Amino acid sequence: MRAIVIDDEKPAQLHLERLLRSDGRITPVQCFLTAREGLDFLAKERMDVVFLDIGMPEMNGLEAAEYIQQLDNTIRIIFVTAYADHAIEAFELHALDYVLKPVSSTRLAKTIDRIVASIIPLSAPAAATTEVQVSQPEVDGVDTHVPGLLTFKHLDIYRTLDEKAQKHRWRTTKSQELFAFLFHHRGEWVSKEILLDQLWADVTQEKGLTHLHTSVYQIRKLLKEWGMTGKLEYNMNRYRLLAGNLVSDVEQFEQGTAYAAITPDNVAQLKDIVPLYRGDYLEEHDYRWAQAKARELRRKYIRLVVDLAEWNMNQGQGKESIEQLSELLEREPYAEEICRLMMNVYASLDDQQAILKLYDSFTRTLLEDLGHQPEPETSRLYEKLMAR
């Protein structure tokens, strides 16, 4: 195995190089004093391992590791640090291992054992994974073995679309929010500055960067371990998430609500879209940056249910309309448009008692909660329907 050492301290370089040559299992090809020099070398030469110092000027080890991963994500990164309390969790998530300075031969031998163990079994599992993917079953033309993402009400990722699939347990709430934020902007480059401002504005920049790197590698670990084809890319101090084979409820919902009108051809499909809306977009997380999107999706949901209810009423399916509108009115208790449509549906069913009960309940809710009466249009419709 071939390796390079990147460390801005020459004595530390020479010490690590001597230990590696003494062990004999890894050949130290070259040493570099700056991350930029090491990256330039890796762009031309194929290496198996990089021993990377954390605390370097200009570009630290965490940032350099980002670029190394982009160059070749099979390279094993071993962080070398003089600080035991320097975000060790982040190092473990990103790198195969980390060693503390001054590096001892005994500790280095254990690290090399891990490197050797990680490289030997690579070929066999790759073939096995291919076999599994080839034999994946499909249901109604949809591959149920692709990962699924739920964003309405709460963010959850499942290993497959099967109803009993394993749900991912986020290691930290910030890694969950970072994934949500990058998925929210999927396919778009987002700068580190924006991420730090949106997600870690309450901590110092140094600590924010450490948390950012920790979260990035938790996400990359998830993508890799669950065999997802999506990628979390890094370039020029920016990140972007490519969703790959990840199937999300919000994308299905937005595609479904792009209809121009309800027709006999699309009505069944649109009815299947409604249950996707389990609650507002990322509702339980209360992310400030998601609020505008949440309002937009809520408007689409209301319009979809109202359109379906009107369709059902016109098709003589008033009871189904009432079921749909009753659920919607629970979400939107002050919506005059929904109340008026429900009264019209009850009128189509010739149920004046239900109209009276609905109007009285709606009027009471407005008065008790908001302190005002129904709009004149709603009151006039009520009087007209009750006069029949």
Protein backbone atom coordinates (compact mmCIF):
# COMPACT_ATOMS: atom_id res chain seq x y z
CA MET A 1 0.00 0.00 0.00
CA ARG A 2 1.16 3.50 -0.87
CA ALA A 3 0.68 6.55 1.33
CA ILE A 4 1.55 10.21 1.64
CA VAL A 5 1.97 12.29 4.78
CA ILE A 6 0.65 15.86 4.99
CA ASP A 7 1.88 17.77 8.04
CA ASP A 8 3.20 21.31 8.38
CA GLU A 9 5.74 20.21 11.00
CA LYS A 10 8.84 18.67 9.44
CA PRO A 11 9.93 16.73 12.58
CA ALA A 12 6.47 15.15 12.82
CA GLN A 13 6.70 14.18 9.14
CA LEU A 14 10.07 12.48 9.57
CA HIS A 15 8.92 10.67 12.72
CA LEU A 16 5.80 9.25 11.07
CA GLU A 17 7.71 8.32 7.91
CA ARG A 18 10.28 6.42 9.97
CA LEU A 19 7.57 4.49 11.85
CA LEU A 20 5.82 3.56 8.60
CA ARG A 21 9.02 2.25 7.03
CA SER A 22 9.77 0.30 10.19
CA ASP A 23 6.35 -1.38 10.10
CA GLY A 24 6.80 -2.24 6.42
CA ARG A 25 3.16 -2.69 5.40
CA ILE A 26 2.69 0.83 4.05
CA THR A 27 5.19 2.65 1.85
CA PRO A 28 5.42 6.41 2.54
CA VAL A 29 5.81 7.73 -1.00
CA GLN A 30 6.19 11.40 -0.18
CA CYS A 31 5.67 14.03 2.53
CA PHE A 32 4.15 17.49 2.13
CA LEU A 33 4.16 20.58 4.34
CA THR A 34 0.86 22.01 3.04
CA ALA A 35 -2.50 20.55 2.15
CA ARG A 36 -2.43 22.25 -1.26
CA GLU A 37 0.81 20.48 -2.21
CA GLY A 38 -0.64 17.15 -1.13
CA LEU A 39 -3.84 17.70 -3.11
CA ASP A 40 -1.89 18.62 -6.24
CA PHE A 41 0.04 15.37 -5.90
CA LEU A 42 -3.12 13.28 -5.36
CA ALA A 43 -4.66 14.77 -8.48
CA LYS A 44 -1.90 13.04 -10.47
CA GLU A 45 -0.97 9.98 -8.41
CA ARG A 46 -3.13 7.15 -7.03
CA MET A 47 -2.62 6.59 -3.30
CA ASP A 48 -4.20 4.13 -0.86
CA VAL A 49 -3.75 6.12 2.36
CA VAL A 50 -3.27 9.73 3.44
CA PHE A 51 -1.95 10.61 6.89
CA LEU A 52 -3.35 14.09 7.41
CA ASP A 53 -2.56 16.62 10.13
CA ILE A 54 -5.55 18.54 11.49
CA GLY A 55 -4.03 21.81 12.63
CA MET A 56 -2.44 23.33 9.54
CA PRO A 57 -2.50 26.96 8.38
CA GLU A 58 -4.35 28.12 5.26
CA MET A 59 -6.25 24.84 4.82
CA ASN A 60 -6.78 22.57 7.83
CA GLY A 61 -7.04 18.80 7.68
CA LEU A 62 -10.83 18.67 7.80
CA GLU A 63 -11.16 20.92 4.77
CA ALA A 64 -8.37 19.09 2.94
CA ALA A 65 -10.17 15.82 3.57
CA GLU A 66 -13.18 17.21 1.71
CA TYR A 67 -11.10 17.67 -1.41
CA ILE A 68 -9.42 14.29 -1.03
CA GLN A 69 -12.82 12.62 -0.92
CA GLN A 70 -13.78 14.41 -4.13
CA LEU A 71 -10.59 13.30 -5.85
CA ASP A 72 -10.95 9.66 -4.77
CA ASN A 73 -13.46 8.46 -2.17
CA THR A 74 -11.63 5.14 -1.79
CA ILE A 75 -8.56 6.76 -0.20
CA ARG A 76 -8.22 5.91 3.49
CA ILE A 77 -7.74 9.05 5.56
CA ILE A 78 -5.94 8.85 8.87
CA PHE A 79 -6.10 12.05 10.87
CA VAL A 80 -3.09 13.01 12.96
CA THR A 81 -3.70 15.53 15.74
CA ALA A 82 -2.04 16.91 18.83
CA TYR A 83 -5.39 17.61 20.50
CA ALA A 84 -7.38 14.75 21.99
CA ASP A 85 -10.40 17.00 22.49
CA HIS A 86 -10.38 18.34 18.91
CA ALA A 87 -13.68 16.93 17.67
CA ILE A 88 -12.59 13.30 17.78
CA GLU A 89 -16.13 12.29 16.88
CA ALA A 90 -15.80 14.13 13.58
CA PHE A 91 -12.51 12.41 12.84
CA GLU A 92 -13.99 8.97 13.47
CA LEU A 93 -16.91 9.68 11.16
CA HIS A 94 -14.78 11.05 8.35
CA ALA A 95 -11.61 9.01 8.62
CA LEU A 96 -10.78 5.38 8.99
CA ASP A 97 -8.84 6.24 12.15
CA TYR A 98 -7.01 8.98 13.99
CA VAL A 99 -3.77 8.99 15.97
CA LEU A 100 -2.54 11.43 18.57
CA LYS A 101 0.85 13.09 18.47
CA PRO A 102 3.46 12.06 19.33
CA VAL A 103 2.66 8.92 17.35
CA SER A 104 3.84 5.69 18.92
CA SER A 105 4.77 2.55 17.00
CA THR A 106 2.24 0.50 18.95
CA ARG A 107 -0.66 2.86 18.17
CA LEU A 108 0.37 3.18 14.55
CA ALA A 109 0.48 -0.62 14.19
CA LYS A 110 -3.17 -0.78 15.28
CA THR A 111 -4.08 1.87 12.73
CA ILE A 112 -2.34 -0.06 9.96
CA ASP A 113 -4.19 -3.21 11.05
CA ARG A 114 -7.45 -1.30 10.48
CA ILE A 115 -6.29 -0.08 7.09
CA VAL A 116 -5.34 -3.59 5.96
CA ALA A 117 -8.64 -5.04 7.22
CA SER A 118 -10.64 -2.36 5.38
CA ILE A 119 -8.94 -2.95 2.04
CA ILE A 120 -8.87 -6.77 1.82
CA PRO A 121 -12.64 -7.47 1.66
CA LEU A 122 -13.53 -4.77 -0.85
CA SER A 123 -13.94 -6.87 -3.99
CA ALA A 124 -16.25 -9.60 -2.66
CA PRO A 125 -18.95 -7.38 -1.15
CA ALA A 126 -19.04 -5.28 -4.29
CA ALA A 127 -20.02 -8.32 -6.33
CA ALA A 128 -22.57 -9.37 -3.72
CA THR A 129 -24.14 -5.92 -3.78
CA THR A 130 -24.50 -6.11 -7.54
CA GLU A 131 -26.24 -9.47 -7.26
CA VAL A 132 -28.73 -8.13 -4.74
CA GLN A 133 -29.52 -5.12 -6.90
CA VAL A 134 -30.13 -7.28 -9.94
CA SER A 135 -32.60 -9.47 -8.06
CA GLN A 136 -34.56 -6.63 -6.45
CA PRO A 137 -38.32 -7.14 -6.92
CA GLU A 138 -40.66 -4.54 -8.29
CA VAL A 139 -44.24 -3.83 -7.30
CA ASP A 140 -46.49 -2.23 -9.91
CA GLY A 141 -43.42 -1.05 -11.79
CA VAL A 142 -41.88 0.61 -8.72
CA ASP A 143 -38.67 -0.73 -7.23
CA THR A 144 -39.47 -1.06 -3.51
CA HIS A 145 -35.83 -1.51 -2.56
CA VAL A 146 -34.88 2.11 -3.17
CA PRO A 147 -34.59 4.34 -0.07
CA GLY A 148 -37.53 6.53 0.92
CA LEU A 149 -37.67 9.99 2.49
CA LEU A 150 -40.63 11.51 4.36
CA THR A 151 -40.63 15.28 4.85
CA PHE A 152 -44.24 16.07 5.71
CA LYS A 153 -44.64 16.61 9.45
CA HIS A 154 -41.32 14.94 10.36
CA LEU A 155 -38.11 14.09 8.50
CA ASP A 156 -37.49 10.34 8.28
CA ILE A 157 -35.35 8.22 5.95
CA TYR A 158 -36.13 4.54 5.41
CA ARG A 159 -33.80 1.96 3.93
CA THR A 160 -36.46 0.86 1.41
CA LEU A 161 -40.03 1.71 0.43
CA ASP A 162 -41.29 -1.42 2.16
CA GLU A 163 -43.71 -0.53 4.99
CA LYS A 164 -41.58 -2.50 7.51
CA ALA A 165 -38.29 -0.96 6.39
CA GLN A 166 -35.62 0.16 8.83
CA LYS A 167 -35.69 3.84 9.77
CA HIS A 168 -32.44 5.75 10.04
CA ARG A 169 -31.54 7.00 13.52
CA TRP A 170 -29.84 10.35 13.27
CA ARG A 171 -26.77 10.61 15.44
CA THR A 172 -27.29 14.34 16.00
CA THR A 173 -30.17 16.73 15.36
CA LYS A 174 -27.82 18.99 13.39
CA SER A 175 -26.86 16.25 10.95
CA GLN A 176 -30.59 15.72 10.43
CA GLU A 177 -31.12 19.44 9.82
CA LEU A 178 -28.14 19.64 7.47
CA PHE A 179 -29.56 16.78 5.42
CA ALA A 180 -32.97 18.48 5.40
CA PHE A 181 -31.45 21.81 4.35
CA LEU A 182 -29.37 20.30 1.54
CA PHE A 183 -32.30 18.20 0.33
CA HIS A 184 -34.45 21.34 0.45
CA HIS A 185 -31.90 22.87 -1.99
CA ARG A 186 -31.15 19.55 -3.73
CA GLY A 187 -29.04 19.87 -6.83
CA GLU A 188 -27.99 23.41 -5.91
CA TRP A 189 -24.59 24.45 -4.56
CA VAL A 190 -24.76 25.95 -1.05
CA SER A 191 -21.77 27.78 0.39
CA LYS A 192 -20.24 26.99 3.76
CA GLU A 193 -21.03 30.54 4.86
CA ILE A 194 -24.75 30.04 4.26
CA LEU A 195 -24.74 26.70 6.06
CA LEU A 196 -22.93 28.15 9.06
CA ASP A 197 -25.28 31.15 9.15
CA GLN A 198 -28.44 29.05 8.86
CA LEU A 199 -27.54 26.12 11.09
CA TRP A 200 -24.72 27.16 13.44
CA ALA A 201 -25.14 30.89 13.94
CA ASP A 202 -25.18 30.40 17.73
CA VAL A 203 -21.59 29.08 17.98
CA THR A 204 -18.16 30.32 16.96
CA GLN A 205 -17.06 29.83 13.37
CA GLU A 206 -14.41 27.29 14.39
CA LYS A 207 -16.90 25.21 16.34
CA GLY A 208 -19.48 25.61 13.58
CA LEU A 209 -17.04 24.26 11.00
CA THR A 210 -16.30 21.27 13.20
CA HIS A 211 -20.02 20.55 13.59
CA LEU A 212 -20.50 21.01 9.86
CA HIS A 213 -17.80 18.48 9.03
CA THR A 214 -19.19 16.06 11.59
CA SER A 215 -22.64 16.30 10.06
CA VAL A 216 -21.35 16.04 6.50
CA TYR A 217 -19.67 12.76 7.23
CA GLN A 218 -22.61 11.36 9.08
CA ILE A 219 -24.64 11.99 5.94
CA ARG A 220 -21.98 10.49 3.66
CA LYS A 221 -21.77 7.48 5.93
CA LEU A 222 -25.53 6.99 5.61
CA LEU A 223 -25.42 7.28 1.81
CA LYS A 224 -22.64 4.73 1.60
CA GLU A 225 -23.91 2.19 4.14
CA TRP A 226 -27.43 2.14 2.72
CA GLY A 227 -26.25 1.79 -0.86
CA MET A 228 -27.86 5.05 -1.93
CA THR A 229 -26.84 6.44 -5.32
CA GLY A 230 -27.09 10.03 -4.16
CA LYS A 231 -24.00 12.08 -3.43
CA LEU A 232 -23.01 14.88 -1.10
CA GLU A 233 -20.48 16.81 -3.17
CA TYR A 234 -18.00 19.48 -2.16
CA ASN A 235 -16.35 22.06 -4.41
CA MET A 236 -15.00 25.58 -3.90
CA ASN A 237 -16.26 25.80 -0.31
CA ARG A 238 -19.75 24.74 -1.39
CA TYR A 239 -21.85 21.63 -0.89
CA ARG A 240 -24.68 20.13 -2.88
CA LEU A 241 -26.81 17.05 -2.40
CA LEU A 242 -27.77 14.92 -5.38
CA ALA A 243 -30.77 12.80 -4.38
CA GLY A 244 -29.95 9.84 -6.64
CA ASN A 245 -32.41 6.97 -6.13
CA LEU A 246 -33.94 8.51 -3.00
CA VAL A 247 -37.74 8.64 -3.38
CA SER A 248 -39.34 11.50 -1.42
CA ASP A 249 -42.93 12.29 -0.53
CA VAL A 250 -42.48 15.99 -1.28
CA GLU A 251 -41.30 15.38 -4.84
CA GLN A 252 -44.18 12.97 -5.45
CA PHE A 253 -46.59 15.51 -3.99
CA GLU A 254 -45.30 18.41 -6.09
CA GLN A 255 -45.36 16.35 -9.27
CA GLY A 256 -48.92 15.24 -8.50
CA THR A 257 -50.20 18.74 -7.72
CA ALA A 258 -48.94 20.14 -11.03
CA TYR A 259 -52.28 19.23 -12.70
CA ALA A 260 -54.22 21.79 -14.74
CA ALA A 261 -57.65 20.34 -13.99
CA ILE A 262 -59.18 17.20 -12.53
CA THR A 263 -60.29 14.73 -15.17
CA PRO A 264 -61.49 11.11 -15.22
CA ASP A 265 -57.95 10.17 -16.26
CA ASN A 266 -56.11 11.71 -13.29
CA VAL A 267 -58.65 11.75 -10.46
CA ALA A 268 -57.61 8.36 -9.02
CA GLN A 269 -53.95 9.35 -9.04
CA LEU A 270 -54.71 12.67 -7.36
CA LYS A 271 -56.68 10.94 -4.61
CA ASP A 272 -53.58 8.83 -3.92
CA ILE A 273 -51.52 12.01 -3.54
CA VAL A 274 -53.63 13.39 -0.66
CA PRO A 275 -52.41 10.94 2.06
CA LEU A 276 -48.81 11.98 1.42
CA TYR A 277 -49.59 15.21 3.24
CA ARG A 278 -49.29 13.92 6.83
CA GLY A 279 -48.73 17.43 8.15
CA ASP A 280 -46.94 20.60 7.13
CA TYR A 281 -43.53 20.34 5.49
CA LEU A 282 -40.94 19.61 8.25
CA GLU A 283 -43.58 20.83 10.71
CA GLU A 284 -42.28 19.21 13.89
CA HIS A 285 -38.74 20.53 13.37
CA ASP A 286 -39.79 24.18 13.10
CA TYR A 287 -36.92 25.07 10.77
CA ARG A 288 -37.08 28.80 10.04
CA TRP A 289 -35.63 28.35 6.54
CA ALA A 290 -38.39 25.86 5.61
CA GLN A 291 -41.36 28.07 6.49
CA ALA A 292 -41.89 29.66 3.04
CA LYS A 293 -41.82 26.24 1.37
CA ALA A 294 -44.20 24.90 4.01
CA ARG A 295 -46.73 27.65 3.25
CA GLU A 296 -46.48 27.00 -0.48
CA LEU A 297 -47.06 23.26 -0.06
CA ARG A 298 -49.95 23.88 2.32
CA ARG A 299 -51.67 26.03 -0.32
CA LYS A 300 -51.21 23.27 -2.89
CA TYR A 301 -52.67 20.73 -0.47
CA ILE A 302 -55.73 22.87 0.25
CA ARG A 303 -56.33 23.48 -3.44
CA LEU A 304 -56.01 19.75 -4.20
CA VAL A 305 -58.52 18.71 -1.54
CA VAL A 306 -60.96 21.46 -2.50
CA ASP A 307 -60.75 20.53 -6.18
CA LEU A 308 -61.29 16.85 -5.39
CA ALA A 309 -64.24 17.69 -3.14
CA GLU A 310 -65.87 19.76 -5.88
CA TRP A 311 -65.25 16.97 -8.38
CA ASN A 312 -66.85 14.40 -6.07
CA MET A 313 -69.83 16.67 -5.41
CA ASN A 314 -70.39 17.14 -9.15
CA GLN A 315 -70.16 13.37 -9.63
CA GLY A 316 -72.85 12.79 -7.00
CA GLN A 317 -70.36 11.59 -4.38
CA GLY A 318 -71.24 14.11 -1.70
CA LYS A 319 -70.39 11.90 1.26
CA GLU A 320 -66.83 11.46 0.03
CA SER A 321 -66.59 15.24 -0.42
CA ILE A 322 -67.70 15.80 3.17
CA GLU A 323 -65.08 13.35 4.48
CA GLN A 324 -62.34 15.17 2.58
CA LEU A 325 -63.49 18.65 3.59
CA SER A 326 -64.07 17.76 7.25
CA GLU A 327 -60.45 16.64 7.57
CA LEU A 328 -59.31 19.78 5.78
CA LEU A 329 -61.41 22.04 8.02
CA GLU A 330 -59.70 20.52 11.06
CA ARG A 331 -56.38 21.73 9.63
CA GLU A 332 -57.84 25.08 8.51
CA PRO A 333 -60.57 25.87 11.09
CA TYR A 334 -60.99 29.50 9.96
CA ALA A 335 -61.13 28.89 6.20
CA GLU A 336 -64.30 30.50 4.86
CA GLU A 337 -63.91 28.90 1.41
CA ILE A 338 -63.94 25.41 2.91
CA CYS A 339 -66.97 26.18 5.06
CA ARG A 340 -68.89 27.51 2.05
CA LEU A 341 -68.03 24.48 -0.07
CA MET A 342 -69.11 22.12 2.72
CA MET A 343 -72.46 23.91 2.98
CA ASN A 344 -72.94 23.50 -0.78
CA VAL A 345 -72.12 19.81 -0.56
CA TYR A 346 -74.63 19.34 2.28
CA ALA A 347 -77.18 21.20 0.12
CA SER A 348 -76.51 18.73 -2.72
CA LEU A 349 -77.30 15.98 -0.19
CA ASP A 350 -80.46 17.88 0.90
CA ASP A 351 -79.22 17.96 4.51
CA GLN A 352 -80.24 21.33 5.99
CA GLN A 353 -79.64 20.12 9.54
CA ALA A 354 -75.99 19.53 8.69
CA ILE A 355 -75.77 23.02 7.15
CA LEU A 356 -77.17 24.57 10.33
CA LYS A 357 -74.80 22.58 12.56
CA LEU A 358 -71.76 23.43 10.43
CA TYR A 359 -72.56 27.15 10.25
CA ASP A 360 -73.22 27.41 13.99
CA SER A 361 -69.97 25.59 14.80
CA PHE A 362 -67.94 27.67 12.35
CA THR A 363 -69.44 30.95 13.64
CA ARG A 364 -68.70 29.98 17.24
CA THR A 365 -65.10 29.07 16.40
CA LEU A 366 -64.49 32.40 14.67
CA LEU A 367 -66.06 34.37 17.52
CA GLU A 368 -64.26 32.53 20.34
CA ASP A 369 -60.85 32.30 18.69
CA LEU A 370 -60.65 35.42 16.55
CA GLY A 371 -63.43 37.66 17.87
CA HIS A 372 -65.23 38.25 14.57
CA GLN A 373 -68.18 37.03 12.51
CA PRO A 374 -68.13 35.07 9.23
CA GLU A 375 -67.59 36.98 6.00
CA PRO A 376 -70.75 38.41 4.39
CA GLU A 377 -70.39 35.96 1.48
CA THR A 378 -70.50 33.03 3.89
CA SER A 379 -73.51 34.41 5.78
CA ARG A 380 -75.42 35.12 2.55
CA LEU A 381 -74.81 31.58 1.31
CA TYR A 382 -76.04 30.16 4.60
CA GLU A 383 -79.25 32.22 4.47
CA LYS A 384 -79.84 31.27 0.83
CA LEU A 385 -79.41 27.54 1.47
CA MET A 386 -81.57 27.57 4.60
CA ALA A 387 -84.37 29.45 2.74
CA ARG A 388 -84.88 26.59 0.29
